């Protein structure tokens, strides 16, 4: 109850009695603004307060008119025309899946599957199975490859967002939906590619995933935690075989041993988090190796702390489920 009260008080600072959302501007068409709406759906289910349903409906409405690529993918933001970023799958698809399940909008599942399959097909490197950070369908951006439209590198957190999004979507995806098996296959092959670049000495992952020995590259906390979460939840949902749990456990142990510090007062600090990374904009972010390793590295940024907590909780859940099965 204390956690529920905390969440509700936090949300009520932004959501009015009519479901209006303070500071939210749908005409910005920014997928990053959709992701926080996930908390509205369990709040509505638990409390029955219609403000949360109304607020979720406002976010859903943005995606009805959100600009799309010619092939039907959501632009990451209106200021990034014709571009899909891996980040955007996490920012929109889990919310849409939960919304579709809560409000009986089954056609949304078709669109979610299309978004995931589209960007995976556009960004997947056939040699490694890794996914490039972003794709410009128009091939107009300076960072875009003239033939593929992809950005030039495999950024850890971008793939982390994607790996977290897949089990979050599958949690709500109908078991009889014709695209479900394809999404499970995406999770399996993406996890396989990620596991192949896991650092054997630490069980962690690098900022630029496939270049561990290159000067300036570093073991990065947020991506490592995201991969642990995605693998552990994939096992719990039955979308990944149980052997993946060992990979997830090793990754989490690596985070705790090498990236977490606890002071004398018991305060926990998570280190080596990339503060931010993107493409385009002003000043222009070119997606080069030097760009990714040059962004600030910080401690306790929420994009690392959040996945760290989620990863720990998910490991506990999947371990508890395995124990229940063994006892039964």
C-alpha atoms as a PDB file:
ATOM      1  CA  UNK A   1       0.000   0.000   0.000  1.00  0.00           C
ATOM      2  CA  UNK A   2       2.808   2.441   0.726  1.00  0.00           C
ATOM      3  CA  UNK A   3       4.248   1.988  -2.774  1.00  0.00           C
ATOM      4  CA  UNK A   4       0.810   2.358  -4.344  1.00  0.00           C
ATOM      5  CA  UNK A   5       0.208   5.575  -2.410  1.00  0.00           C
ATOM      6  CA  UNK A   6       3.583   6.907  -3.545  1.00  0.00           C
ATOM      7  CA  UNK A   7       2.897   6.112  -7.196  1.00  0.00           C
ATOM      8  CA  UNK A   8      -0.584   7.574  -7.084  1.00  0.00           C
ATOM      9  CA  UNK A   9       0.584  10.796  -5.395  1.00  0.00           C
ATOM     10  CA  UNK A  10       3.322  11.172  -8.012  1.00  0.00           C
ATOM     11  CA  UNK A  11       0.899  10.697 -10.895  1.00  0.00           C
ATOM     12  CA  UNK A  12      -1.743  12.967  -9.371  1.00  0.00           C
ATOM     13  CA  UNK A  13       0.748  15.841  -9.460  1.00  0.00           C
ATOM     14  CA  UNK A  14       0.481  15.679 -13.248  1.00  0.00           C
ATOM     15  CA  UNK A  15      -2.947  14.203 -14.022  1.00  0.00           C
ATOM     16  CA  UNK A  16      -6.010  16.345 -13.405  1.00  0.00           C
ATOM     17  CA  UNK A  17      -9.489  15.087 -12.424  1.00  0.00           C
ATOM     18  CA  UNK A  18     -10.537  15.242 -16.098  1.00  0.00           C
ATOM     19  CA  UNK A  19      -7.527  13.234 -17.267  1.00  0.00           C
ATOM     20  CA  UNK A  20      -5.589  16.228 -18.544  1.00  0.00           C
ATOM     21  CA  UNK A  21      -1.813  15.847 -18.235  1.00  0.00           C
ATOM     22  CA  UNK A  22       0.123  18.860 -17.048  1.00  0.00           C
ATOM     23  CA  UNK A  23       2.970  19.903 -19.413  1.00  0.00           C
ATOM     24  CA  UNK A  24       1.997  17.259 -22.009  1.00  0.00           C
ATOM     25  CA  UNK A  25       1.747  18.538 -25.590  1.00  0.00           C
ATOM     26  CA  UNK A  26       0.493  15.894 -28.007  1.00  0.00           C
ATOM     27  CA  UNK A  27       1.332  18.081 -31.001  1.00  0.00           C
ATOM     28  CA  UNK A  28       5.035  17.570 -30.245  1.00  0.00           C
ATOM     29  CA  UNK A  29       4.588  13.973 -31.410  1.00  0.00           C
ATOM     30  CA  UNK A  30       7.311  12.603 -29.167  1.00  0.00           C
ATOM     31  CA  UNK A  31       7.297   8.860 -28.415  1.00  0.00           C
ATOM     32  CA  UNK A  32       9.270   9.471 -25.224  1.00  0.00           C
ATOM     33  CA  UNK A  33       6.147  11.080 -23.767  1.00  0.00           C
ATOM     34  CA  UNK A  34       4.117   7.881 -24.182  1.00  0.00           C
ATOM     35  CA  UNK A  35       6.179   5.543 -22.002  1.00  0.00           C
ATOM     36  CA  UNK A  36       5.303   7.075 -18.579  1.00  0.00           C
ATOM     37  CA  UNK A  37       1.647   6.387 -19.381  1.00  0.00           C
ATOM     38  CA  UNK A  38       2.138   2.699 -18.623  1.00  0.00           C
ATOM     39  CA  UNK A  39       1.604   3.425 -14.932  1.00  0.00           C
ATOM     40  CA  UNK A  40      -1.863   4.844 -15.645  1.00  0.00           C
ATOM     41  CA  UNK A  41      -3.296   1.466 -16.616  1.00  0.00           C
ATOM     42  CA  UNK A  42      -2.628  -0.467 -13.395  1.00  0.00           C
ATOM     43  CA  UNK A  43      -3.664   2.596 -11.392  1.00  0.00           C
ATOM     44  CA  UNK A  44      -7.019   2.579 -13.203  1.00  0.00           C
ATOM     45  CA  UNK A  45      -7.412  -1.172 -12.715  1.00  0.00           C
ATOM     46  CA  UNK A  46      -6.650  -0.949  -8.985  1.00  0.00           C
ATOM     47  CA  UNK A  47      -8.511   2.235  -8.080  1.00  0.00           C
ATOM     48  CA  UNK A  48     -11.263   2.520 -10.686  1.00  0.00           C
ATOM     49  CA  UNK A  49     -10.535   6.263 -10.886  1.00  0.00           C
ATOM     50  CA  UNK A  50     -11.525   7.302 -14.396  1.00  0.00           C
ATOM     51  CA  UNK A  51      -8.956  10.113 -14.519  1.00  0.00           C
ATOM     52  CA  UNK A  52      -6.294   7.500 -15.233  1.00  0.00           C
ATOM     53  CA  UNK A  53      -8.259   5.941 -18.075  1.00  0.00           C
ATOM     54  CA  UNK A  54      -8.893   9.384 -19.549  1.00  0.00           C
ATOM     55  CA  UNK A  55      -5.209  10.297 -19.342  1.00  0.00           C
ATOM     56  CA  UNK A  56      -4.215   7.028 -20.997  1.00  0.00           C
ATOM     57  CA  UNK A  57      -6.748   7.777 -23.713  1.00  0.00           C
ATOM     58  CA  UNK A  58      -5.052  11.085 -24.417  1.00  0.00           C
ATOM     59  CA  UNK A  59      -1.749   9.317 -24.986  1.00  0.00           C
ATOM     60  CA  UNK A  60      -3.456   6.727 -27.160  1.00  0.00           C
ATOM     61  CA  UNK A  61      -4.976   9.561 -29.210  1.00  0.00           C
ATOM     62  CA  UNK A  62      -1.517  10.970 -29.999  1.00  0.00           C
ATOM     63  CA  UNK A  63      -0.581   7.721 -31.686  1.00  0.00           C
ATOM     64  CA  UNK A  64      -3.627   7.821 -33.943  1.00  0.00           C
ATOM     65  CA  UNK A  65      -2.192  10.871 -35.709  1.00  0.00           C
ATOM     66  CA  UNK A  66       1.508  10.385 -34.948  1.00  0.00           C
ATOM     67  CA  UNK A  67       3.585  10.811 -38.128  1.00  0.00           C
ATOM     68  CA  UNK A  68       4.860   7.607 -39.726  1.00  0.00           C
ATOM     69  CA  UNK A  69       7.422   6.510 -42.242  1.00  0.00           C
ATOM     70  CA  UNK A  70       6.183   5.483 -45.668  1.00  0.00           C
ATOM     71  CA  UNK A  71       6.363   1.862 -44.478  1.00  0.00           C
ATOM     72  CA  UNK A  72       4.173   2.597 -41.450  1.00  0.00           C
ATOM     73  CA  UNK A  73       6.671   3.027 -38.618  1.00  0.00           C
ATOM     74  CA  UNK A  74       6.228   5.743 -36.012  1.00  0.00           C
ATOM     75  CA  UNK A  75       8.715   8.601 -36.342  1.00  0.00           C
ATOM     76  CA  UNK A  76      10.725   8.713 -33.140  1.00  0.00           C
ATOM     77  CA  UNK A  77       9.799  12.377 -32.774  1.00  0.00           C
ATOM     78  CA  UNK A  78       8.316  14.974 -35.070  1.00  0.00           C
ATOM     79  CA  UNK A  79      11.701  16.743 -35.050  1.00  0.00           C
ATOM     80  CA  UNK A  80      13.296  13.537 -36.432  1.00  0.00           C
ATOM     81  CA  UNK A  81      11.366  13.015 -39.676  1.00  0.00           C
ATOM     82  CA  UNK A  82      11.299   9.613 -41.404  1.00  0.00           C
ATOM     83  CA  UNK A  83      13.375   8.077 -38.594  1.00  0.00           C
ATOM     84  CA  UNK A  84      12.730   5.056 -36.392  1.00  0.00           C
ATOM     85  CA  UNK A  85      14.988   4.552 -33.370  1.00  0.00           C
ATOM     86  CA  UNK A  86      15.225   1.351 -31.339  1.00  0.00           C
ATOM     87  CA  UNK A  87      14.452   3.482 -28.282  1.00  0.00           C
ATOM     88  CA  UNK A  88      11.017   4.251 -29.698  1.00  0.00           C
ATOM     89  CA  UNK A  89       9.855   0.648 -29.528  1.00  0.00           C
ATOM     90  CA  UNK A  90      10.212   0.699 -25.740  1.00  0.00           C
ATOM     91  CA  UNK A  91       8.669   4.155 -25.483  1.00  0.00           C
ATOM     92  CA  UNK A  92       5.428   3.259 -27.272  1.00  0.00           C
ATOM     93  CA  UNK A  93       4.879  -0.464 -27.843  1.00  0.00           C
ATOM     94  CA  UNK A  94       4.514  -1.714 -24.224  1.00  0.00           C
ATOM     95  CA  UNK A  95       2.034   1.082 -23.473  1.00  0.00           C
ATOM     96  CA  UNK A  96       0.036   0.233 -26.588  1.00  0.00           C
ATOM     97  CA  UNK A  97       0.018  -3.475 -25.740  1.00  0.00           C
ATOM     98  CA  UNK A  98      -1.226  -2.817 -22.218  1.00  0.00           C
ATOM     99  CA  UNK A  99      -3.803  -0.342 -23.541  1.00  0.00           C
ATOM    100  CA  UNK A 100      -5.038  -2.789 -26.175  1.00  0.00           C
ATOM    101  CA  UNK A 101      -5.514  -5.466 -23.521  1.00  0.00           C
ATOM    102  CA  UNK A 102      -7.203  -3.130 -21.029  1.00  0.00           C
ATOM    103  CA  UNK A 103      -9.595  -1.463 -23.459  1.00  0.00           C
ATOM    104  CA  UNK A 104     -10.211  -4.282 -25.947  1.00  0.00           C
ATOM    105  CA  UNK A 105      -8.580  -2.752 -28.997  1.00  0.00           C
ATOM    106  CA  UNK A 106      -7.205  -5.887 -30.715  1.00  0.00           C
ATOM    107  CA  UNK A 107      -6.185  -4.133 -33.930  1.00  0.00           C
ATOM    108  CA  UNK A 108      -3.457  -2.401 -31.940  1.00  0.00           C
ATOM    109  CA  UNK A 109      -1.611  -5.698 -31.639  1.00  0.00           C
ATOM    110  CA  UNK A 110      -1.265  -5.830 -35.428  1.00  0.00           C
ATOM    111  CA  UNK A 111       0.286  -2.361 -35.428  1.00  0.00           C
ATOM    112  CA  UNK A 112       2.637  -3.198 -32.547  1.00  0.00           C
ATOM    113  CA  UNK A 113       3.887  -6.276 -34.364  1.00  0.00           C
ATOM    114  CA  UNK A 114       4.413  -4.236 -37.515  1.00  0.00           C
ATOM    115  CA  UNK A 115       6.472  -1.626 -35.653  1.00  0.00           C
ATOM    116  CA  UNK A 116       8.739  -4.264 -34.127  1.00  0.00           C
ATOM    117  CA  UNK A 117       9.187  -6.368 -37.244  1.00  0.00           C
ATOM    118  CA  UNK A 118       9.791  -3.284 -39.378  1.00  0.00           C
ATOM    119  CA  UNK A 119      12.611  -1.814 -37.328  1.00  0.00           C
ATOM    120  CA  UNK A 120      14.182  -5.197 -36.618  1.00  0.00           C
ATOM    121  CA  UNK A 121      14.259  -5.947 -40.324  1.00  0.00           C
ATOM    122  CA  UNK A 122      15.656  -2.527 -41.190  1.00  0.00           C
ATOM    123  CA  UNK A 123      18.383  -2.356 -38.530  1.00  0.00           C
ATOM    124  CA  UNK A 124      19.544  -5.963 -38.095  1.00  0.00           C
ATOM    125  CA  UNK A 125      23.114  -6.643 -39.162  1.00  0.00           C
ATOM    126  CA  UNK A 126      23.149 -10.019 -40.940  1.00  0.00           C
ATOM    127  CA  UNK A 127      26.697 -10.802 -39.809  1.00  0.00           C
ATOM    128  CA  UNK A 128      26.265 -10.288 -36.061  1.00  0.00           C
ATOM    129  CA  UNK A 129      22.509 -10.121 -35.490  1.00  0.00           C
ATOM    130  CA  UNK A 130      23.006  -6.842 -33.632  1.00  0.00           C
ATOM    131  CA  UNK A 131      20.710  -3.896 -34.335  1.00  0.00           C
ATOM    132  CA  UNK A 132      21.902  -0.458 -35.371  1.00  0.00           C
ATOM    133  CA  UNK A 133      20.672   2.408 -33.199  1.00  0.00           C
ATOM    134  CA  UNK A 134      18.374   3.984 -35.775  1.00  0.00           C
ATOM    135  CA  UNK A 135      17.072   3.931 -39.331  1.00  0.00           C
ATOM    136  CA  UNK A 136      16.328   6.874 -41.623  1.00  0.00           C
ATOM    137  CA  UNK A 137      13.953   5.592 -44.273  1.00  0.00           C
ATOM    138  CA  UNK A 138      14.594   8.696 -46.380  1.00  0.00           C
ATOM    139  CA  UNK A 139      18.407   8.263 -46.239  1.00  0.00           C
ATOM    140  CA  UNK A 140      18.680  12.042 -45.844  1.00  0.00           C
ATOM    141  CA  UNK A 141      20.496  12.254 -42.514  1.00  0.00           C
ATOM    142  CA  UNK A 142      24.270  12.615 -42.551  1.00  0.00           C
ATOM    143  CA  UNK A 143      24.491   9.697 -40.116  1.00  0.00           C
ATOM    144  CA  UNK A 144      22.446   7.382 -42.361  1.00  0.00           C
ATOM    145  CA  UNK A 145      24.139   4.798 -44.564  1.00  0.00           C
ATOM    146  CA  UNK A 146      23.305   5.711 -48.185  1.00  0.00           C
ATOM    147  CA  UNK A 147      22.003   2.210 -48.962  1.00  0.00           C
ATOM    148  CA  UNK A 148      20.586   0.848 -45.699  1.00  0.00           C
ATOM    149  CA  UNK A 149      19.631   4.126 -44.001  1.00  0.00           C
ATOM    150  CA  UNK A 150      21.071   2.813 -40.721  1.00  0.00           C
ATOM    151  CA  UNK A 151      23.206   4.689 -38.240  1.00  0.00           C
ATOM    152  CA  UNK A 152      26.796   3.409 -38.086  1.00  0.00           C
ATOM    153  CA  UNK A 153      27.079   1.705 -34.672  1.00  0.00           C
ATOM    154  CA  UNK A 154      25.473  -0.693 -32.213  1.00  0.00           C
ATOM    155  CA  UNK A 155      24.790   1.438 -29.126  1.00  0.00           C
ATOM    156  CA  UNK A 156      24.262  -0.651 -26.003  1.00  0.00           C
ATOM    157  CA  UNK A 157      21.317   1.196 -24.487  1.00  0.00           C
ATOM    158  CA  UNK A 158      19.443   1.389 -27.784  1.00  0.00           C
ATOM    159  CA  UNK A 159      19.485  -2.389 -27.992  1.00  0.00           C
ATOM    160  CA  UNK A 160      18.707  -2.476 -24.270  1.00  0.00           C
ATOM    161  CA  UNK A 161      15.469  -0.557 -24.802  1.00  0.00           C
ATOM    162  CA  UNK A 162      14.530  -2.975 -27.569  1.00  0.00           C
ATOM    163  CA  UNK A 163      15.295  -6.094 -25.516  1.00  0.00           C
ATOM    164  CA  UNK A 164      13.233  -4.756 -22.586  1.00  0.00           C
ATOM    165  CA  UNK A 165      10.338  -3.862 -24.866  1.00  0.00           C
ATOM    166  CA  UNK A 166       9.872  -7.337 -26.322  1.00  0.00           C
ATOM    167  CA  UNK A 167       8.852  -9.237 -23.148  1.00  0.00           C
ATOM    168  CA  UNK A 168       6.893  -6.210 -21.954  1.00  0.00           C
ATOM    169  CA  UNK A 169       4.856  -6.438 -25.163  1.00  0.00           C
ATOM    170  CA  UNK A 170       4.594 -10.232 -25.100  1.00  0.00           C
ATOM    171  CA  UNK A 171       3.199 -10.077 -21.558  1.00  0.00           C
ATOM    172  CA  UNK A 172      -0.009  -8.639 -23.026  1.00  0.00           C
ATOM    173  CA  UNK A 173       0.107 -10.097 -26.547  1.00  0.00           C
ATOM    174  CA  UNK A 174      -2.686 -12.620 -27.228  1.00  0.00           C
ATOM    175  CA  UNK A 175      -1.404 -16.194 -27.259  1.00  0.00           C
ATOM    176  CA  UNK A 176      -3.384 -16.917 -30.426  1.00  0.00           C
ATOM    177  CA  UNK A 177      -2.267 -13.842 -32.367  1.00  0.00           C
ATOM    178  CA  UNK A 178      -0.643 -14.861 -35.672  1.00  0.00           C
ATOM    179  CA  UNK A 179       2.343 -12.547 -35.075  1.00  0.00           C
ATOM    180  CA  UNK A 180       3.163 -13.774 -31.574  1.00  0.00           C
ATOM    181  CA  UNK A 181       5.525 -16.517 -32.723  1.00  0.00           C
ATOM    182  CA  UNK A 182       7.406 -14.036 -34.903  1.00  0.00           C
ATOM    183  CA  UNK A 183       7.882 -11.677 -31.947  1.00  0.00           C
ATOM    184  CA  UNK A 184       9.128 -14.517 -29.757  1.00  0.00           C
ATOM    185  CA  UNK A 185      11.616 -15.340 -32.520  1.00  0.00           C
ATOM    186  CA  UNK A 186      12.788 -11.709 -32.575  1.00  0.00           C
ATOM    187  CA  UNK A 187      13.446 -11.883 -28.840  1.00  0.00           C
ATOM    188  CA  UNK A 188      15.351 -15.159 -29.214  1.00  0.00           C
ATOM    189  CA  UNK A 189      17.631 -14.020 -32.022  1.00  0.00           C
ATOM    190  CA  UNK A 190      18.224 -10.610 -30.462  1.00  0.00           C
ATOM    191  CA  UNK A 191      19.124 -12.176 -27.122  1.00  0.00           C
ATOM    192  CA  UNK A 192      21.467 -14.545 -28.926  1.00  0.00           C
ATOM    193  CA  UNK A 193      23.250 -11.658 -30.640  1.00  0.00           C
ATOM    194  CA  UNK A 194      23.520  -9.777 -27.352  1.00  0.00           C
ATOM    195  CA  UNK A 195      24.932 -12.811 -25.537  1.00  0.00           C
ATOM    196  CA  UNK A 196      27.651 -13.150 -28.153  1.00  0.00           C
ATOM    197  CA  UNK A 197      29.051  -9.720 -27.228  1.00  0.00           C
ATOM    198  CA  UNK A 198      28.791 -10.162 -23.443  1.00  0.00           C
ATOM    199  CA  UNK A 199      32.222  -9.517 -21.974  1.00  0.00           C
ATOM    200  CA  UNK A 200      33.574 -12.910 -20.831  1.00  0.00           C
ATOM    201  CA  UNK A 201      35.632 -11.447 -17.991  1.00  0.00           C
ATOM    202  CA  UNK A 202      32.895  -9.399 -16.324  1.00  0.00           C
ATOM    203  CA  UNK A 203      29.602 -10.660 -17.873  1.00  0.00           C
ATOM    204  CA  UNK A 204      28.786  -7.005 -18.665  1.00  0.00           C
ATOM    205  CA  UNK A 205      28.216  -5.187 -21.933  1.00  0.00           C
ATOM    206  CA  UNK A 206      30.054  -2.298 -23.559  1.00  0.00           C
ATOM    207  CA  UNK A 207      28.797   1.129 -24.560  1.00  0.00           C
ATOM    208  CA  UNK A 208      29.529   0.254 -28.205  1.00  0.00           C
ATOM    209  CA  UNK A 209      28.642  -3.393 -28.132  1.00  0.00           C
ATOM    210  CA  UNK A 210      30.927  -4.959 -30.708  1.00  0.00           C
ATOM    211  CA  UNK A 211      34.173  -3.075 -30.046  1.00  0.00           C
ATOM    212  CA  UNK A 212      35.389  -4.125 -26.590  1.00  0.00           C
ATOM    213  CA  UNK A 213      39.076  -3.474 -27.127  1.00  0.00           C
ATOM    214  CA  UNK A 214      38.808  -0.099 -28.806  1.00  0.00           C
ATOM    215  CA  UNK A 215      40.249   2.840 -26.836  1.00  0.00           C
ATOM    216  CA  UNK A 216      37.631   4.755 -24.857  1.00  0.00           C
ATOM    217  CA  UNK A 217      34.966   2.069 -24.869  1.00  0.00           C
ATOM    218  CA  UNK A 218      33.662   1.135 -21.418  1.00  0.00           C
ATOM    219  CA  UNK A 219      31.381  -1.308 -19.630  1.00  0.00           C
ATOM    220  CA  UNK A 220      28.039   0.467 -19.405  1.00  0.00           C
ATOM    221  CA  UNK A 221      25.502  -0.034 -16.616  1.00  0.00           C
ATOM    222  CA  UNK A 222      22.140   0.804 -18.173  1.00  0.00           C
ATOM    223  CA  UNK A 223      22.497  -1.517 -21.172  1.00  0.00           C
ATOM    224  CA  UNK A 224      23.790  -4.319 -18.963  1.00  0.00           C
ATOM    225  CA  UNK A 225      20.777  -4.033 -16.641  1.00  0.00           C
ATOM    226  CA  UNK A 226      18.362  -3.831 -19.565  1.00  0.00           C
ATOM    227  CA  UNK A 227      19.690  -7.025 -21.102  1.00  0.00           C
ATOM    228  CA  UNK A 228      19.410  -8.813 -17.754  1.00  0.00           C
ATOM    229  CA  UNK A 229      15.797  -7.688 -17.387  1.00  0.00           C
ATOM    230  CA  UNK A 230      14.794  -8.708 -20.893  1.00  0.00           C
ATOM    231  CA  UNK A 231      16.348 -12.143 -20.615  1.00  0.00           C
ATOM    232  CA  UNK A 232      14.976 -12.853 -17.134  1.00  0.00           C
ATOM    233  CA  UNK A 233      11.468 -11.732 -18.015  1.00  0.00           C
ATOM    234  CA  UNK A 234      11.628 -13.651 -21.271  1.00  0.00           C
ATOM    235  CA  UNK A 235      12.344 -16.806 -19.247  1.00  0.00           C
ATOM    236  CA  UNK A 236       9.555 -16.082 -16.753  1.00  0.00           C
ATOM    237  CA  UNK A 237       7.017 -15.634 -19.543  1.00  0.00           C
ATOM    238  CA  UNK A 238       8.148 -18.808 -21.274  1.00  0.00           C
ATOM    239  CA  UNK A 239       9.358 -16.877 -24.326  1.00  0.00           C
ATOM    240  CA  UNK A 240      12.998 -17.850 -23.775  1.00  0.00           C
ATOM    241  CA  UNK A 241      14.227 -21.263 -22.616  1.00  0.00           C
ATOM    242  CA  UNK A 242      15.393 -21.578 -18.991  1.00  0.00           C
ATOM    243  CA  UNK A 243      19.081 -21.651 -19.972  1.00  0.00           C
ATOM    244  CA  UNK A 244      18.930 -17.891 -20.488  1.00  0.00           C
ATOM    245  CA  UNK A 245      18.530 -17.382 -16.759  1.00  0.00           C
ATOM    246  CA  UNK A 246      22.212 -18.182 -16.200  1.00  0.00           C
ATOM    247  CA  UNK A 247      23.235 -15.455 -18.661  1.00  0.00           C
ATOM    248  CA  UNK A 248      20.966 -12.952 -16.916  1.00  0.00           C
ATOM    249  CA  UNK A 249      22.205 -13.921 -13.446  1.00  0.00           C
ATOM    250  CA  UNK A 250      25.824 -13.556 -14.510  1.00  0.00           C
ATOM    251  CA  UNK A 251      25.116 -10.116 -15.936  1.00  0.00           C
ATOM    252  CA  UNK A 252      23.403  -8.940 -12.771  1.00  0.00           C
ATOM    253  CA  UNK A 253      26.220 -10.270 -10.640  1.00  0.00           C
ATOM    254  CA  UNK A 254      28.673  -8.368 -12.813  1.00  0.00           C
ATOM    255  CA  UNK A 255      26.723  -5.145 -12.267  1.00  0.00           C
ATOM    256  CA  UNK A 256      26.636  -5.643  -8.487  1.00  0.00           C
ATOM    257  CA  UNK A 257      30.304  -6.545  -8.213  1.00  0.00           C
ATOM    258  CA  UNK A 258      31.798  -4.003 -10.598  1.00  0.00           C
ATOM    259  CA  UNK A 259      29.411  -1.069 -11.045  1.00  0.00           C
ATOM    260  CA  UNK A 260      27.677  -0.738  -7.657  1.00  0.00           C
ATOM    261  CA  UNK A 261      29.190   0.997  -4.641  1.00  0.00           C
ATOM    262  CA  UNK A 262      27.664   1.087  -1.141  1.00  0.00           C
ATOM    263  CA  UNK A 263      28.867   3.731   1.316  1.00  0.00           C
ATOM    264  CA  UNK A 264      29.087   3.524   5.099  1.00  0.00           C
ATOM    265  CA  UNK A 265      25.529   4.769   5.459  1.00  0.00           C
ATOM    266  CA  UNK A 266      24.233   2.021   3.177  1.00  0.00           C
ATOM    267  CA  UNK A 267      23.506   4.350   0.272  1.00  0.00           C
ATOM    268  CA  UNK A 268      23.805   2.592  -3.082  1.00  0.00           C
ATOM    269  CA  UNK A 269      25.439   4.205  -6.130  1.00  0.00           C
ATOM    270  CA  UNK A 270      25.250   2.750  -9.635  1.00  0.00           C
ATOM    271  CA  UNK A 271      28.220   3.892 -11.723  1.00  0.00           C
ATOM    272  CA  UNK A 272      29.215   4.037 -15.391  1.00  0.00           C
ATOM    273  CA  UNK A 273      25.899   5.096 -16.887  1.00  0.00           C
ATOM    274  CA  UNK A 274      25.886   6.866 -20.242  1.00  0.00           C
ATOM    275  CA  UNK A 275      24.033  10.098 -19.510  1.00  0.00           C
ATOM    276  CA  UNK A 276      22.458  10.463 -22.948  1.00  0.00           C
ATOM    277  CA  UNK A 277      22.986   9.646 -26.602  1.00  0.00           C
ATOM    278  CA  UNK A 278      21.053  10.397 -29.747  1.00  0.00           C
ATOM    279  CA  UNK A 279      21.367  11.263 -33.411  1.00  0.00           C
ATOM    280  CA  UNK A 280      21.024  14.485 -35.363  1.00  0.00           C
ATOM    281  CA  UNK A 281      19.852  17.597 -33.569  1.00  0.00           C
ATOM    282  CA  UNK A 282      21.888  20.675 -32.683  1.00  0.00           C
ATOM    283  CA  UNK A 283      24.805  20.361 -32.143  1.00  0.00           C
ATOM    284  CA  UNK A 284      24.725  17.552 -34.672  1.00  0.00           C
ATOM    285  CA  UNK A 285      25.246  14.028 -33.298  1.00  0.00           C
ATOM    286  CA  UNK A 286      26.780  11.978 -36.085  1.00  0.00           C
ATOM    287  CA  UNK A 287      26.541   8.510 -34.550  1.00  0.00           C
ATOM    288  CA  UNK A 288      30.299   7.944 -34.796  1.00  0.00           C
ATOM    289  CA  UNK A 289      32.239   5.781 -32.359  1.00  0.00           C
ATOM    290  CA  UNK A 290      33.853   8.931 -30.983  1.00  0.00           C
ATOM    291  CA  UNK A 291      30.413  10.417 -30.379  1.00  0.00           C
ATOM    292  CA  UNK A 292      29.112   7.485 -28.340  1.00  0.00           C
ATOM    293  CA  UNK A 293      32.159   7.244 -26.094  1.00  0.00           C
ATOM    294  CA  UNK A 294      32.340  11.030 -25.740  1.00  0.00           C
ATOM    295  CA  UNK A 295      28.978  11.587 -24.049  1.00  0.00           C
ATOM    296  CA  UNK A 296      29.161  12.107 -20.251  1.00  0.00           C
ATOM    297  CA  UNK A 297      29.383   9.042 -18.024  1.00  0.00           C
ATOM    298  CA  UNK A 298      27.507   9.557 -14.744  1.00  0.00           C
ATOM    299  CA  UNK A 299      26.257   7.810 -11.612  1.00  0.00           C
ATOM    300  CA  UNK A 300      22.655   7.143 -10.524  1.00  0.00           C
ATOM    301  CA  UNK A 301      21.001   8.412 -13.683  1.00  0.00           C
ATOM    302  CA  UNK A 302      17.443   7.075 -13.713  1.00  0.00           C
ATOM    303  CA  UNK A 303      17.977   5.418 -17.100  1.00  0.00           C
ATOM    304  CA  UNK A 304      20.391   3.108 -15.287  1.00  0.00           C
ATOM    305  CA  UNK A 305      18.850   2.925 -11.822  1.00  0.00           C
ATOM    306  CA  UNK A 306      15.395   2.078 -13.190  1.00  0.00           C
ATOM    307  CA  UNK A 307      16.581  -0.917 -15.235  1.00  0.00           C
ATOM    308  CA  UNK A 308      18.796  -2.009 -12.315  1.00  0.00           C
ATOM    309  CA  UNK A 309      15.759  -2.216 -10.040  1.00  0.00           C
ATOM    310  CA  UNK A 310      13.649  -3.851 -12.747  1.00  0.00           C
ATOM    311  CA  UNK A 311      16.364  -6.428 -13.424  1.00  0.00           C
ATOM    312  CA  UNK A 312      16.690  -7.324  -9.751  1.00  0.00           C
ATOM    313  CA  UNK A 313      12.932  -7.655  -9.298  1.00  0.00           C
ATOM    314  CA  UNK A 314      12.563  -9.760 -12.434  1.00  0.00           C
ATOM    315  CA  UNK A 315      15.323 -12.142 -11.371  1.00  0.00           C
ATOM    316  CA  UNK A 316      13.585 -12.577  -8.022  1.00  0.00           C
ATOM    317  CA  UNK A 317      10.276 -13.276  -9.761  1.00  0.00           C
ATOM    318  CA  UNK A 318      11.637 -15.863 -12.170  1.00  0.00           C
ATOM    319  CA  UNK A 319      13.618 -17.573  -9.390  1.00  0.00           C
ATOM    320  CA  UNK A 320      10.517 -17.690  -7.177  1.00  0.00           C
ATOM    321  CA  UNK A 321       8.507 -19.210 -10.003  1.00  0.00           C
ATOM    322  CA  UNK A 322      11.157 -21.849 -10.624  1.00  0.00           C
ATOM    323  CA  UNK A 323      11.135 -22.711  -6.909  1.00  0.00           C
ATOM    324  CA  UNK A 324       7.327 -23.054  -6.909  1.00  0.00           C
ATOM    325  CA  UNK A 325       7.503 -25.431  -9.858  1.00  0.00           C
ATOM    326  CA  UNK A 326      10.169 -27.568  -8.222  1.00  0.00           C
ATOM    327  CA  UNK A 327       8.138 -27.820  -5.006  1.00  0.00           C
ATOM    328  CA  UNK A 328       4.970 -28.773  -6.861  1.00  0.00           C
END
